[in-house]
Amino acid sequence: MIECLDSQQGHAPDTSYLDVMPRLEFLSKRCNQLTKENADLQEDCDRLTTE
């Protein structure tokens, strides 16, 4: 069970760790992809501003 409280009910939600794991894996991969894209874009921007 994920250790977070439902602010309205004051108890842990019914979602188990296994239920959210696929979503967490997807978001982690997407975050890594966006971080790489951001670094690539920053390199392009740096190159263009020095030309």
PDB file of N, CA and C in Angstrom:
ATOM      1  N   MET A   1       0.841  -1.186   0.000  1.00  0.00           N
ATOM      2  CA  MET A   1       0.000   0.000   0.000  1.00  0.00           C
ATOM      3  C   MET A   1       0.882   1.243   0.000  1.00  0.00           C
ATOM      4  N   ILE A   2       0.546   2.204  -0.808  1.00  0.00           N
ATOM      5  CA  ILE A   2       1.305   3.453  -0.850  1.00  0.00           C
ATOM      6  C   ILE A   2       1.023   4.233   0.424  1.00  0.00           C
ATOM      7  N   GLU A   3       2.084   4.773   0.994  1.00  0.00           N
ATOM      8  CA  GLU A   3       1.953   5.496   2.250  1.00  0.00           C
ATOM      9  C   GLU A   3       1.611   6.963   2.017  1.00  0.00           C
ATOM     10  N   CYS A   4       0.399   7.219   1.605  1.00  0.00           N
ATOM     11  CA  CYS A   4      -0.071   8.597   1.500  1.00  0.00           C
ATOM     12  C   CYS A   4      -1.512   8.617   1.975  1.00  0.00           C
ATOM     13  N   LEU A   5      -1.920   9.736   2.463  1.00  0.00           N
ATOM     14  CA  LEU A   5      -3.269   9.832   2.997  1.00  0.00           C
ATOM     15  C   LEU A   5      -4.171  10.600   2.055  1.00  0.00           C
ATOM     16  N   ASP A   6      -5.374  10.144   1.952  1.00  0.00           N
ATOM     17  CA  ASP A   6      -6.402  10.873   1.227  1.00  0.00           C
ATOM     18  C   ASP A   6      -6.790  12.050   2.120  1.00  0.00           C
ATOM     19  N   SER A   7      -6.561  13.255   1.639  1.00  0.00           N
ATOM     20  CA  SER A   7      -6.761  14.431   2.479  1.00  0.00           C
ATOM     21  C   SER A   7      -8.210  14.593   2.935  1.00  0.00           C
ATOM     22  N   GLN A   8      -9.149  14.114   2.143  1.00  0.00           N
ATOM     23  CA  GLN A   8     -10.550  14.265   2.522  1.00  0.00           C
ATOM     24  C   GLN A   8     -11.003  13.153   3.464  1.00  0.00           C
ATOM     25  N   GLN A   9     -10.496  11.963   3.264  1.00  0.00           N
ATOM     26  CA  GLN A   9     -10.958  10.831   4.064  1.00  0.00           C
ATOM     27  C   GLN A   9     -10.048  10.543   5.261  1.00  0.00           C
ATOM     28  N   GLY A  10      -8.779  10.971   5.191  1.00  0.00           N
ATOM     29  CA  GLY A  10      -7.859  10.731   6.291  1.00  0.00           C
ATOM     30  C   GLY A  10      -7.354   9.307   6.366  1.00  0.00           C
ATOM     31  N   HIS A  11      -7.437   8.565   5.261  1.00  0.00           N
ATOM     32  CA  HIS A  11      -6.910   7.202   5.235  1.00  0.00           C
ATOM     33  C   HIS A  11      -6.209   6.962   3.909  1.00  0.00           C
ATOM     34  N   ALA A  12      -5.438   5.904   3.864  1.00  0.00           N
ATOM     35  CA  ALA A  12      -4.700   5.579   2.644  1.00  0.00           C
ATOM     36  C   ALA A  12      -5.670   5.200   1.530  1.00  0.00           C
ATOM     37  N   PRO A  13      -5.361   5.603   0.291  1.00  0.00           N
ATOM     38  CA  PRO A  13      -6.232   5.226  -0.831  1.00  0.00           C
ATOM     39  C   PRO A  13      -6.174   3.728  -1.102  1.00  0.00           C
ATOM     40  N   ASP A  14      -7.105   3.227  -1.896  1.00  0.00           N
ATOM     41  CA  ASP A  14      -7.194   1.802  -2.187  1.00  0.00           C
ATOM     42  C   ASP A  14      -6.206   1.337  -3.257  1.00  0.00           C
ATOM     43  N   THR A  15      -5.461   2.262  -3.835  1.00  0.00           N
ATOM     44  CA  THR A  15      -4.523   1.915  -4.895  1.00  0.00           C
ATOM     45  C   THR A  15      -3.288   1.245  -4.300  1.00  0.00           C
ATOM     46  N   SER A  16      -2.957   0.076  -4.804  1.00  0.00           N
ATOM     47  CA  SER A  16      -1.775  -0.617  -4.311  1.00  0.00           C
ATOM     48  C   SER A  16      -0.559  -0.209  -5.123  1.00  0.00           C
ATOM     49  N   TYR A  17       0.600  -0.479  -4.581  1.00  0.00           N
ATOM     50  CA  TYR A  17       1.860  -0.163  -5.252  1.00  0.00           C
ATOM     51  C   TYR A  17       1.917  -0.825  -6.622  1.00  0.00           C
ATOM     52  N   LEU A  18       1.449  -2.060  -6.719  1.00  0.00           N
ATOM     53  CA  LEU A  18       1.484  -2.776  -7.999  1.00  0.00           C
ATOM     54  C   LEU A  18       0.572  -2.129  -9.038  1.00  0.00           C
ATOM     55  N   ASP A  19      -0.478  -1.484  -8.587  1.00  0.00           N
ATOM     56  CA  ASP A  19      -1.386  -0.805  -9.510  1.00  0.00           C
ATOM     57  C   ASP A  19      -0.738   0.419 -10.148  1.00  0.00           C
ATOM     58  N   VAL A  20       0.079   1.127  -9.389  1.00  0.00           N
ATOM     59  CA  VAL A  20       0.674   2.364  -9.907  1.00  0.00           C
ATOM     60  C   VAL A  20       2.055   2.159 -10.517  1.00  0.00           C
ATOM     61  N   MET A  21       2.646   1.001 -10.291  1.00  0.00           N
ATOM     62  CA  MET A  21       4.007   0.756 -10.781  1.00  0.00           C
ATOM     63  C   MET A  21       4.148   0.939 -12.292  1.00  0.00           C
ATOM     64  N   PRO A  22       3.261   0.400 -13.125  1.00  0.00           N
ATOM     65  CA  PRO A  22       3.412   0.616 -14.570  1.00  0.00           C
ATOM     66  C   PRO A  22       3.386   2.100 -14.939  1.00  0.00           C
ATOM     67  N   ARG A  23       2.545   2.860 -14.291  1.00  0.00           N
ATOM     68  CA  ARG A  23       2.466   4.301 -14.565  1.00  0.00           C
ATOM     69  C   ARG A  23       3.752   5.000 -14.123  1.00  0.00           C
ATOM     70  N   LEU A  24       4.279   4.607 -12.974  1.00  0.00           N
ATOM     71  CA  LEU A  24       5.528   5.198 -12.496  1.00  0.00           C
ATOM     72  C   LEU A  24       6.680   4.886 -13.448  1.00  0.00           C
ATOM     73  N   GLU A  25       6.721   3.666 -13.959  1.00  0.00           N
ATOM     74  CA  GLU A  25       7.768   3.290 -14.913  1.00  0.00           C
ATOM     75  C   GLU A  25       7.645   4.108 -16.191  1.00  0.00           C
ATOM     76  N   PHE A  26       6.417   4.275 -16.690  1.00  0.00           N
ATOM     77  CA  PHE A  26       6.191   5.074 -17.887  1.00  0.00           C
ATOM     78  C   PHE A  26       6.644   6.511 -17.663  1.00  0.00           C
ATOM     79  N   LEU A  27       6.243   7.090 -16.533  1.00  0.00           N
ATOM     80  CA  LEU A  27       6.603   8.477 -16.253  1.00  0.00           C
ATOM     81  C   LEU A  27       8.107   8.642 -16.083  1.00  0.00           C
ATOM     82  N   SER A  28       8.760   7.669 -15.493  1.00  0.00           N
ATOM     83  CA  SER A  28      10.208   7.725 -15.333  1.00  0.00           C
ATOM     84  C   SER A  28      10.908   7.717 -16.685  1.00  0.00           C
ATOM     85  N   LYS A  29      10.470   6.818 -17.568  1.00  0.00           N
ATOM     86  CA  LYS A  29      11.058   6.752 -18.910  1.00  0.00           C
ATOM     87  C   LYS A  29      10.797   8.039 -19.681  1.00  0.00           C
ATOM     88  N   ARG A  30       9.581   8.565 -19.563  1.00  0.00           N
ATOM     89  CA  ARG A  30       9.227   9.809 -20.262  1.00  0.00           C
ATOM     90  C   ARG A  30      10.054  10.977 -19.722  1.00  0.00           C
ATOM     91  N   CYS A  31      10.232  11.018 -18.431  1.00  0.00           N
ATOM     92  CA  CYS A  31      11.036  12.069 -17.814  1.00  0.00           C
ATOM     93  C   CYS A  31      12.478  12.003 -18.315  1.00  0.00           C
ATOM     94  N   ASN A  32      13.034  10.809 -18.382  1.00  0.00           N
ATOM     95  CA  ASN A  32      14.398  10.645 -18.893  1.00  0.00           C
ATOM     96  C   ASN A  32      14.499  11.086 -20.347  1.00  0.00           C
ATOM     97  N   GLN A  33      13.490  10.741 -21.138  1.00  0.00           N
ATOM     98  CA  GLN A  33      13.468  11.134 -22.546  1.00  0.00           C
ATOM     99  C   GLN A  33      13.414  12.653 -22.677  1.00  0.00           C
ATOM    100  N   LEU A  34      12.552  13.291 -21.901  1.00  0.00           N
ATOM    101  CA  LEU A  34      12.426  14.744 -21.965  1.00  0.00           C
ATOM    102  C   LEU A  34      13.687  15.441 -21.465  1.00  0.00           C
ATOM    103  N   THR A  35      14.338  14.864 -20.477  1.00  0.00           N
ATOM    104  CA  THR A  35      15.592  15.428 -19.979  1.00  0.00           C
ATOM    105  C   THR A  35      16.647  15.407 -21.067  1.00  0.00           C
ATOM    106  N   LYS A  36      16.727  14.296 -21.810  1.00  0.00           N
ATOM    107  CA  LYS A  36      17.684  14.199 -22.908  1.00  0.00           C
ATOM    108  C   LYS A  36      17.339  15.195 -24.010  1.00  0.00           C
ATOM    109  N   GLU A  37      16.055  15.277 -24.373  1.00  0.00           N
ATOM    110  CA  GLU A  37      15.639  16.234 -25.398  1.00  0.00           C
ATOM    111  C   GLU A  37      15.964  17.660 -24.968  1.00  0.00           C
ATOM    112  N   ASN A  38      15.753  17.966 -23.707  1.00  0.00           N
ATOM    113  CA  ASN A  38      16.047  19.294 -23.187  1.00  0.00           C
ATOM    114  C   ASN A  38      17.540  19.593 -23.301  1.00  0.00           C
ATOM    115  N   ALA A  39      18.378  18.619 -22.967  1.00  0.00           N
ATOM    116  CA  ALA A  39      19.827  18.806 -23.073  1.00  0.00           C
ATOM    117  C   ALA A  39      20.231  19.036 -24.525  1.00  0.00           C
ATOM    118  N   ASP A  40      19.642  18.271 -25.438  1.00  0.00           N
ATOM    119  CA  ASP A  40      19.936  18.449 -26.866  1.00  0.00           C
ATOM    120  C   ASP A  40      19.518  19.841 -27.341  1.00  0.00           C
ATOM    121  N   LEU A  41      18.339  20.273 -26.928  1.00  0.00           N
ATOM    122  CA  LEU A  41      17.865  21.602 -27.318  1.00  0.00           C
ATOM    123  C   LEU A  41      18.737  22.702 -26.713  1.00  0.00           C
ATOM    124  N   GLN A  42      19.188  22.492 -25.492  1.00  0.00           N
ATOM    125  CA  GLN A  42      20.055  23.481 -24.850  1.00  0.00           C
ATOM    126  C   GLN A  42      21.378  23.595 -25.598  1.00  0.00           C
ATOM    127  N   GLU A  43      21.917  22.462 -26.050  1.00  0.00           N
ATOM    128  CA  GLU A  43      23.147  22.485 -26.853  1.00  0.00           C
ATOM    129  C   GLU A  43      22.925  23.260 -28.142  1.00  0.00           C
ATOM    130  N   ASP A  44      21.799  23.012 -28.819  1.00  0.00           N
ATOM    131  CA  ASP A  44      21.477  23.746 -30.047  1.00  0.00           C
ATOM    132  C   ASP A  44      21.362  25.241 -29.765  1.00  0.00           C
ATOM    133  N   CYS A  45      20.694  25.583 -28.698  1.00  0.00           N
ATOM    134  CA  CYS A  45      20.514  26.984 -28.329  1.00  0.00           C
ATOM    135  C   CYS A  45      21.867  27.639 -28.041  1.00  0.00           C
ATOM    136  N   ASP A  46      22.704  26.961 -27.283  1.00  0.00           N
ATOM    137  CA  ASP A  46      24.038  27.491 -26.972  1.00  0.00           C
ATOM    138  C   ASP A  46      24.849  27.690 -28.240  1.00  0.00           C
ATOM    139  N   ARG A  47      24.767  26.728 -29.144  1.00  0.00           N
ATOM    140  CA  ARG A  47      25.509  26.817 -30.405  1.00  0.00           C
ATOM    141  C   ARG A  47      25.020  27.997 -31.233  1.00  0.00           C
ATOM    142  N   LEU A  48      23.713  28.164 -31.310  1.00  0.00           N
ATOM    143  CA  LEU A  48      23.143  29.252 -32.108  1.00  0.00           C
ATOM    144  C   LEU A  48      23.459  30.631 -31.520  1.00  0.00           C
ATOM    145  N   THR A  49      23.516  30.726 -30.216  1.00  0.00           N
ATOM    146  CA  THR A  49      23.790  32.033 -29.603  1.00  0.00           C
ATOM    147  C   THR A  49      25.259  32.413 -29.697  1.00  0.00           C
ATOM    148  N   THR A  50      26.129  31.434 -29.952  1.00  0.00           N
ATOM    149  CA  THR A  50      27.557  31.755 -30.088  1.00  0.00           C
ATOM    150  C   THR A  50      27.955  31.975 -31.535  1.00  0.00           C
ATOM    151  N   GLU A  51      27.069  31.700 -32.474  1.00  0.00           N
ATOM    152  CA  GLU A  51      27.387  31.895 -33.895  1.00  0.00           C
ATOM    153  C   GLU A  51      27.198  33.336 -34.305  1.00  0.00           C
TER     154      GLU A  51
END
